[in-house]
Amino acid sequence: MDTLLDASAIMAIILNEPNKDVVIKLTKGSTLLSPEIISYEIGNALISLYKRHKLKEKEVTDAYHDFMKIPIRTLDVDMEKALKISCKYNIYAYDAYYLETAKRLKLPLITFDVSMKNVALNMNINILTEEQNANL
């Protein structure tokens, strides 16, 4: 199965957050996919944590190295469709990139971003959840 991961799911893995095990179980045997912007978004998220003094410089670089070890295949985004999604739902373009990709390619999505989940459900995108993990 192909599974689309957003930055929140990947950050859970590389920062050893409580949801890490959920992501690992939900993606077992899957091909991991993400929009082409994923490395930039991970970099930005790590620096945001650094600026808030939640990570030290070495932790930022170590986490990025861990991210680079994850076998994620990146996908092109249909920018025009993503911008329309962004406008329609009044969300950031970065979030729309995941939603556009998931919708167009009919991929299940793993995210811990509540607002993205809500929009995804409105768009009839399959969100993989902890509840599904309990049934695995």
N, C-alpha and C. Protein backbone atom coordinates (compact mmCIF):
# COMPACT_ATOMS: atom_id res chain seq x y z
N MET A 1 0.84 -1.18 0.00
CA MET A 1 0.00 0.00 0.00
C MET A 1 0.89 1.24 0.00
N ASP A 2 0.47 2.26 -0.72
CA ASP A 2 1.15 3.56 -0.71
C ASP A 2 0.49 4.43 0.35
N THR A 3 1.31 5.15 1.12
CA THR A 3 0.80 6.00 2.19
C THR A 3 1.49 7.36 2.12
N LEU A 4 0.69 8.42 2.17
CA LEU A 4 1.20 9.78 2.15
C LEU A 4 1.38 10.26 3.59
N LEU A 5 2.57 10.75 3.88
CA LEU A 5 2.86 11.28 5.22
C LEU A 5 3.07 12.78 5.13
N ASP A 6 2.54 13.50 6.12
CA ASP A 6 2.83 14.92 6.19
C ASP A 6 3.97 15.14 7.17
N ALA A 7 4.36 16.39 7.32
CA ALA A 7 5.51 16.71 8.18
C ALA A 7 5.27 16.33 9.63
N SER A 8 4.02 16.45 10.11
CA SER A 8 3.76 16.11 11.51
C SER A 8 4.02 14.63 11.77
N ALA A 9 3.69 13.77 10.82
CA ALA A 9 3.94 12.33 10.97
C ALA A 9 5.43 12.03 10.96
N ILE A 10 6.15 12.70 10.07
CA ILE A 10 7.59 12.48 9.98
C ILE A 10 8.31 13.04 11.20
N MET A 11 7.87 14.20 11.67
CA MET A 11 8.48 14.77 12.87
C MET A 11 8.28 13.85 14.07
N ALA A 12 7.13 13.18 14.14
CA ALA A 12 6.88 12.23 15.23
C ALA A 12 7.93 11.13 15.23
N ILE A 13 8.33 10.70 14.04
CA ILE A 13 9.34 9.65 13.93
C ILE A 13 10.72 10.17 14.30
N ILE A 14 11.14 11.25 13.67
CA ILE A 14 12.54 11.69 13.85
C ILE A 14 12.80 12.33 15.21
N LEU A 15 11.74 12.78 15.90
CA LEU A 15 11.91 13.36 17.23
C LEU A 15 11.47 12.41 18.33
N ASN A 16 11.15 11.17 17.95
CA ASN A 16 10.76 10.14 18.91
C ASN A 16 9.59 10.59 19.77
N GLU A 17 8.58 11.19 19.12
CA GLU A 17 7.39 11.66 19.82
C GLU A 17 6.46 10.49 20.13
N PRO A 18 5.48 10.70 21.03
CA PRO A 18 4.57 9.61 21.39
C PRO A 18 3.86 8.94 20.21
N ASN A 19 3.58 9.69 19.15
CA ASN A 19 2.89 9.11 17.99
C ASN A 19 3.80 8.32 17.06
N LYS A 20 5.07 8.24 17.38
CA LYS A 20 6.03 7.54 16.52
C LYS A 20 5.59 6.09 16.24
N ASP A 21 5.22 5.37 17.29
CA ASP A 21 4.83 3.96 17.12
C ASP A 21 3.59 3.82 16.26
N VAL A 22 2.66 4.77 16.37
CA VAL A 22 1.45 4.74 15.55
C VAL A 22 1.83 4.85 14.08
N VAL A 23 2.71 5.81 13.76
CA VAL A 23 3.14 6.01 12.37
C VAL A 23 3.82 4.75 11.84
N ILE A 24 4.71 4.19 12.64
CA ILE A 24 5.43 2.99 12.21
C ILE A 24 4.47 1.84 11.95
N LYS A 25 3.51 1.62 12.84
CA LYS A 25 2.56 0.53 12.66
C LYS A 25 1.64 0.77 11.47
N LEU A 26 1.19 2.02 11.29
CA LEU A 26 0.29 2.32 10.18
C LEU A 26 0.98 2.23 8.82
N THR A 27 2.29 2.37 8.81
CA THR A 27 3.02 2.36 7.52
C THR A 27 3.78 1.06 7.28
N LYS A 28 3.65 0.11 8.17
CA LYS A 28 4.37 -1.15 7.99
C LYS A 28 4.00 -1.78 6.65
N GLY A 29 4.99 -2.06 5.84
CA GLY A 29 4.78 -2.66 4.54
C GLY A 29 4.35 -1.69 3.46
N SER A 30 4.28 -0.41 3.78
CA SER A 30 3.84 0.61 2.82
C SER A 30 5.02 1.27 2.12
N THR A 31 4.74 1.81 0.96
CA THR A 31 5.66 2.72 0.30
C THR A 31 5.32 4.10 0.83
N LEU A 32 6.33 4.78 1.39
CA LEU A 32 6.11 6.09 1.99
C LEU A 32 6.25 7.17 0.93
N LEU A 33 5.26 8.06 0.89
CA LEU A 33 5.22 9.11 -0.11
C LEU A 33 4.98 10.45 0.57
N SER A 34 5.44 11.51 -0.08
CA SER A 34 5.21 12.86 0.40
C SER A 34 5.41 13.84 -0.75
N PRO A 35 4.76 15.00 -0.69
CA PRO A 35 5.01 15.99 -1.73
C PRO A 35 6.47 16.43 -1.74
N GLU A 36 6.90 16.92 -2.88
CA GLU A 36 8.31 17.28 -3.09
C GLU A 36 8.83 18.32 -2.11
N ILE A 37 7.99 19.02 -1.41
CA ILE A 37 8.41 20.08 -0.49
C ILE A 37 8.78 19.54 0.90
N ILE A 38 8.70 18.24 1.10
CA ILE A 38 8.82 17.68 2.45
C ILE A 38 10.15 18.01 3.12
N SER A 39 11.26 17.95 2.43
CA SER A 39 12.54 18.24 3.10
C SER A 39 12.61 19.68 3.56
N TYR A 40 12.02 20.60 2.79
CA TYR A 40 12.01 22.01 3.20
C TYR A 40 11.12 22.21 4.42
N GLU A 41 9.99 21.51 4.43
CA GLU A 41 9.08 21.66 5.57
C GLU A 41 9.68 21.06 6.84
N ILE A 42 10.36 19.93 6.71
CA ILE A 42 11.03 19.33 7.87
C ILE A 42 12.12 20.27 8.38
N GLY A 43 12.91 20.82 7.47
CA GLY A 43 13.95 21.77 7.87
C GLY A 43 13.36 22.96 8.60
N ASN A 44 12.28 23.50 8.10
CA ASN A 44 11.63 24.64 8.73
C ASN A 44 11.09 24.29 10.12
N ALA A 45 10.48 23.12 10.24
CA ALA A 45 9.94 22.69 11.54
C ALA A 45 11.06 22.51 12.56
N LEU A 46 12.17 21.95 12.13
CA LEU A 46 13.31 21.77 13.05
C LEU A 46 13.86 23.11 13.50
N ILE A 47 14.00 24.05 12.59
CA ILE A 47 14.52 25.37 12.97
C ILE A 47 13.53 26.11 13.85
N SER A 48 12.26 25.92 13.63
CA SER A 48 11.25 26.53 14.50
C SER A 48 11.42 26.05 15.94
N LEU A 49 11.66 24.75 16.10
CA LEU A 49 11.91 24.20 17.44
C LEU A 49 13.21 24.74 18.03
N TYR A 50 14.21 24.90 17.19
CA TYR A 50 15.49 25.47 17.64
C TYR A 50 15.29 26.91 18.13
N LYS A 51 14.57 27.70 17.36
CA LYS A 51 14.34 29.11 17.71
C LYS A 51 13.55 29.25 19.01
N ARG A 52 12.73 28.26 19.33
CA ARG A 52 11.95 28.27 20.58
C ARG A 52 12.72 27.56 21.70
N HIS A 53 13.99 27.26 21.46
CA HIS A 53 14.89 26.63 22.44
C HIS A 53 14.41 25.26 22.89
N LYS A 54 13.73 24.54 21.99
CA LYS A 54 13.30 23.17 22.28
C LYS A 54 14.28 22.14 21.74
N LEU A 55 15.12 22.55 20.80
CA LEU A 55 16.18 21.69 20.25
C LEU A 55 17.47 22.49 20.21
N LYS A 56 18.57 21.78 20.39
CA LYS A 56 19.89 22.38 20.22
C LYS A 56 20.35 22.13 18.78
N GLU A 57 21.38 22.85 18.37
CA GLU A 57 21.84 22.74 16.98
C GLU A 57 22.16 21.29 16.60
N LYS A 58 22.86 20.57 17.46
CA LYS A 58 23.20 19.19 17.15
C LYS A 58 21.95 18.33 17.02
N GLU A 59 20.95 18.58 17.84
CA GLU A 59 19.70 17.82 17.75
C GLU A 59 18.99 18.11 16.43
N VAL A 60 19.07 19.36 15.97
CA VAL A 60 18.48 19.72 14.67
C VAL A 60 19.15 18.93 13.56
N THR A 61 20.47 18.94 13.54
CA THR A 61 21.17 18.26 12.46
C THR A 61 21.03 16.74 12.58
N ASP A 62 21.05 16.22 13.79
CA ASP A 62 20.85 14.78 13.98
C ASP A 62 19.46 14.35 13.49
N ALA A 63 18.44 15.14 13.83
CA ALA A 63 17.08 14.82 13.40
C ALA A 63 16.98 14.88 11.87
N TYR A 64 17.63 15.86 11.26
CA TYR A 64 17.58 15.95 9.80
C TYR A 64 18.27 14.74 9.16
N HIS A 65 19.39 14.30 9.75
CA HIS A 65 20.06 13.10 9.24
C HIS A 65 19.15 11.88 9.37
N ASP A 66 18.41 11.80 10.48
CA ASP A 66 17.46 10.70 10.65
C ASP A 66 16.36 10.77 9.59
N PHE A 67 15.88 11.97 9.32
CA PHE A 67 14.87 12.15 8.27
C PHE A 67 15.39 11.65 6.92
N MET A 68 16.63 11.96 6.61
CA MET A 68 17.20 11.58 5.32
C MET A 68 17.33 10.06 5.16
N LYS A 69 17.30 9.33 6.27
CA LYS A 69 17.38 7.87 6.22
C LYS A 69 16.03 7.21 5.92
N ILE A 70 14.96 7.96 6.08
CA ILE A 70 13.62 7.40 5.85
C ILE A 70 13.39 7.31 4.33
N PRO A 71 13.03 6.14 3.85
CA PRO A 71 12.84 5.97 2.40
C PRO A 71 11.50 6.54 1.92
N ILE A 72 11.51 7.85 1.69
CA ILE A 72 10.29 8.53 1.24
C ILE A 72 10.45 8.90 -0.23
N ARG A 73 9.48 8.47 -1.02
CA ARG A 73 9.45 8.87 -2.43
C ARG A 73 8.66 10.17 -2.54
N THR A 74 9.26 11.16 -3.17
CA THR A 74 8.58 12.45 -3.28
C THR A 74 7.77 12.53 -4.57
N LEU A 75 6.69 13.30 -4.50
CA LEU A 75 5.74 13.41 -5.60
C LEU A 75 5.56 14.87 -6.00
N ASP A 76 5.32 15.07 -7.28
CA ASP A 76 5.00 16.40 -7.78
C ASP A 76 3.63 16.81 -7.25
N VAL A 77 3.44 18.12 -7.17
CA VAL A 77 2.17 18.70 -6.74
C VAL A 77 1.56 19.43 -7.93
N ASP A 78 0.27 19.29 -8.11
CA ASP A 78 -0.45 20.09 -9.10
C ASP A 78 -0.72 21.43 -8.41
N MET A 79 0.16 22.40 -8.66
CA MET A 79 0.14 23.67 -7.94
C MET A 79 -1.19 24.40 -8.10
N GLU A 80 -1.74 24.42 -9.30
CA GLU A 80 -3.00 25.14 -9.51
C GLU A 80 -4.12 24.54 -8.66
N LYS A 81 -4.21 23.21 -8.65
CA LYS A 81 -5.24 22.57 -7.83
C LYS A 81 -4.98 22.81 -6.34
N ALA A 82 -3.72 22.78 -5.93
CA ALA A 82 -3.38 23.02 -4.52
C ALA A 82 -3.77 24.44 -4.11
N LEU A 83 -3.51 25.40 -4.97
CA LEU A 83 -3.87 26.79 -4.65
C LEU A 83 -5.38 26.95 -4.55
N LYS A 84 -6.12 26.24 -5.40
CA LYS A 84 -7.58 26.30 -5.32
C LYS A 84 -8.07 25.71 -4.00
N ILE A 85 -7.47 24.60 -3.57
CA ILE A 85 -7.81 23.99 -2.28
C ILE A 85 -7.49 24.96 -1.16
N SER A 86 -6.33 25.59 -1.24
CA SER A 86 -5.92 26.56 -0.22
C SER A 86 -6.92 27.70 -0.10
N CYS A 87 -7.35 28.23 -1.23
CA CYS A 87 -8.33 29.32 -1.22
C CYS A 87 -9.69 28.85 -0.72
N LYS A 88 -10.14 27.70 -1.22
CA LYS A 88 -11.46 27.19 -0.84
C LYS A 88 -11.60 26.96 0.65
N TYR A 89 -10.54 26.39 1.27
CA TYR A 89 -10.61 26.04 2.68
C TYR A 89 -9.87 27.02 3.58
N ASN A 90 -9.32 28.09 2.99
CA ASN A 90 -8.60 29.11 3.74
C ASN A 90 -7.48 28.49 4.59
N ILE A 91 -6.66 27.69 3.93
CA ILE A 91 -5.54 27.03 4.61
C ILE A 91 -4.23 27.43 3.94
N TYR A 92 -3.13 27.15 4.61
CA TYR A 92 -1.82 27.43 4.04
C TYR A 92 -1.58 26.54 2.83
N ALA A 93 -0.85 27.08 1.88
CA ALA A 93 -0.53 26.32 0.67
C ALA A 93 0.21 25.03 1.01
N TYR A 94 1.11 25.08 2.00
CA TYR A 94 1.85 23.87 2.36
C TYR A 94 0.91 22.73 2.73
N ASP A 95 -0.15 23.03 3.48
CA ASP A 95 -1.12 21.99 3.83
C ASP A 95 -1.87 21.51 2.59
N ALA A 96 -2.20 22.44 1.71
CA ALA A 96 -2.92 22.09 0.49
C ALA A 96 -2.10 21.17 -0.41
N TYR A 97 -0.78 21.27 -0.37
CA TYR A 97 0.06 20.40 -1.20
C TYR A 97 -0.18 18.92 -0.84
N TYR A 98 -0.27 18.63 0.46
CA TYR A 98 -0.53 17.26 0.90
C TYR A 98 -1.93 16.83 0.48
N LEU A 99 -2.89 17.71 0.70
CA LEU A 99 -4.28 17.38 0.39
C LEU A 99 -4.50 17.18 -1.10
N GLU A 100 -3.90 18.03 -1.91
CA GLU A 100 -4.03 17.90 -3.36
C GLU A 100 -3.45 16.57 -3.82
N THR A 101 -2.28 16.25 -3.31
CA THR A 101 -1.60 15.01 -3.70
C THR A 101 -2.41 13.79 -3.27
N ALA A 102 -2.88 13.81 -2.03
CA ALA A 102 -3.68 12.68 -1.53
C ALA A 102 -4.96 12.50 -2.35
N LYS A 103 -5.63 13.60 -2.63
CA LYS A 103 -6.89 13.53 -3.37
C LYS A 103 -6.66 13.05 -4.80
N ARG A 104 -5.71 13.66 -5.48
CA ARG A 104 -5.46 13.33 -6.89
C ARG A 104 -5.03 11.89 -7.08
N LEU A 105 -4.18 11.40 -6.18
CA LEU A 105 -3.63 10.05 -6.32
C LEU A 105 -4.39 9.01 -5.49
N LYS A 106 -5.45 9.46 -4.81
CA LYS A 106 -6.29 8.57 -3.99
C LYS A 106 -5.45 7.82 -2.95
N LEU A 107 -4.63 8.60 -2.24
CA LEU A 107 -3.74 8.03 -1.23
C LEU A 107 -4.28 8.28 0.18
N PRO A 108 -4.13 7.30 1.07
CA PRO A 108 -4.43 7.58 2.47
C PRO A 108 -3.35 8.50 3.04
N LEU A 109 -3.74 9.33 4.00
CA LEU A 109 -2.86 10.34 4.58
C LEU A 109 -2.69 10.11 6.07
N ILE A 110 -1.47 10.27 6.54
CA ILE A 110 -1.21 10.28 7.98
C ILE A 110 -0.80 11.70 8.34
N THR A 111 -1.57 12.30 9.25
CA THR A 111 -1.27 13.62 9.76
C THR A 111 -1.75 13.72 11.20
N PHE A 112 -1.08 14.53 11.99
CA PHE A 112 -1.52 14.82 13.36
C PHE A 112 -1.98 16.27 13.47
N ASP A 113 -2.09 16.92 12.33
CA ASP A 113 -2.56 18.30 12.24
C ASP A 113 -4.09 18.27 12.19
N VAL A 114 -4.73 18.74 13.24
CA VAL A 114 -6.19 18.64 13.37
C VAL A 114 -6.90 19.40 12.26
N SER A 115 -6.45 20.60 11.93
CA SER A 115 -7.14 21.36 10.88
C SER A 115 -6.98 20.68 9.52
N MET A 116 -5.80 20.08 9.25
CA MET A 116 -5.63 19.36 7.99
C MET A 116 -6.53 18.13 7.96
N LYS A 117 -6.65 17.44 9.08
CA LYS A 117 -7.55 16.28 9.15
C LYS A 117 -8.97 16.68 8.81
N ASN A 118 -9.42 17.80 9.37
CA ASN A 118 -10.80 18.25 9.13
C ASN A 118 -11.04 18.55 7.66
N VAL A 119 -10.10 19.25 7.03
CA VAL A 119 -10.25 19.56 5.61
C VAL A 119 -10.20 18.26 4.80
N ALA A 120 -9.28 17.38 5.14
CA ALA A 120 -9.15 16.11 4.42
C ALA A 120 -10.44 15.31 4.48
N LEU A 121 -11.04 15.24 5.64
CA LEU A 121 -12.30 14.51 5.78
C LEU A 121 -13.39 15.16 4.94
N ASN A 122 -13.40 16.50 4.90
CA ASN A 122 -14.36 17.22 4.07
C ASN A 122 -14.15 16.92 2.59
N MET A 123 -12.89 16.65 2.21
CA MET A 123 -12.56 16.33 0.82
C MET A 123 -12.66 14.84 0.52
N ASN A 124 -13.13 14.06 1.49
CA ASN A 124 -13.25 12.60 1.36
C ASN A 124 -11.90 11.92 1.15
N ILE A 125 -10.88 12.41 1.83
CA ILE A 125 -9.55 11.79 1.82
C ILE A 125 -9.48 10.85 3.01
N ASN A 126 -8.99 9.64 2.79
CA ASN A 126 -8.85 8.65 3.85
C ASN A 126 -7.69 9.05 4.77
N ILE A 127 -8.01 9.27 6.05
CA ILE A 127 -7.01 9.59 7.06
C ILE A 127 -6.74 8.33 7.87
N LEU A 128 -5.49 7.91 7.91
CA LEU A 128 -5.13 6.75 8.73
C LEU A 128 -4.97 7.24 10.17
N THR A 129 -5.57 6.51 11.11
CA THR A 129 -5.63 6.96 12.49
C THR A 129 -5.19 5.86 13.47
N GLU A 130 -5.06 6.29 14.72
CA GLU A 130 -4.72 5.34 15.79
C GLU A 130 -5.78 4.26 15.92
N GLU A 131 -7.04 4.63 15.69
CA GLU A 131 -8.13 3.65 15.80
C GLU A 131 -7.92 2.52 14.78
N GLN A 132 -7.46 2.89 13.58
CA GLN A 132 -7.16 1.86 12.57
C GLN A 132 -5.98 1.03 13.03
N ASN A 133 -5.03 1.66 13.72
CA ASN A 133 -3.87 0.95 14.25
C ASN A 133 -4.31 -0.13 15.22
N ALA A 134 -5.34 0.15 16.03
CA ALA A 134 -5.82 -0.84 17.00
C ALA A 134 -6.37 -2.07 16.32
N ASN A 135 -6.81 -1.91 15.07
CA ASN A 135 -7.38 -3.04 14.34
C ASN A 135 -6.33 -3.80 13.55
N LEU A 136 -5.07 -3.35 13.56
CA LEU A 136 -4.03 -4.03 12.78
C LEU A 136 -3.55 -5.27 13.49
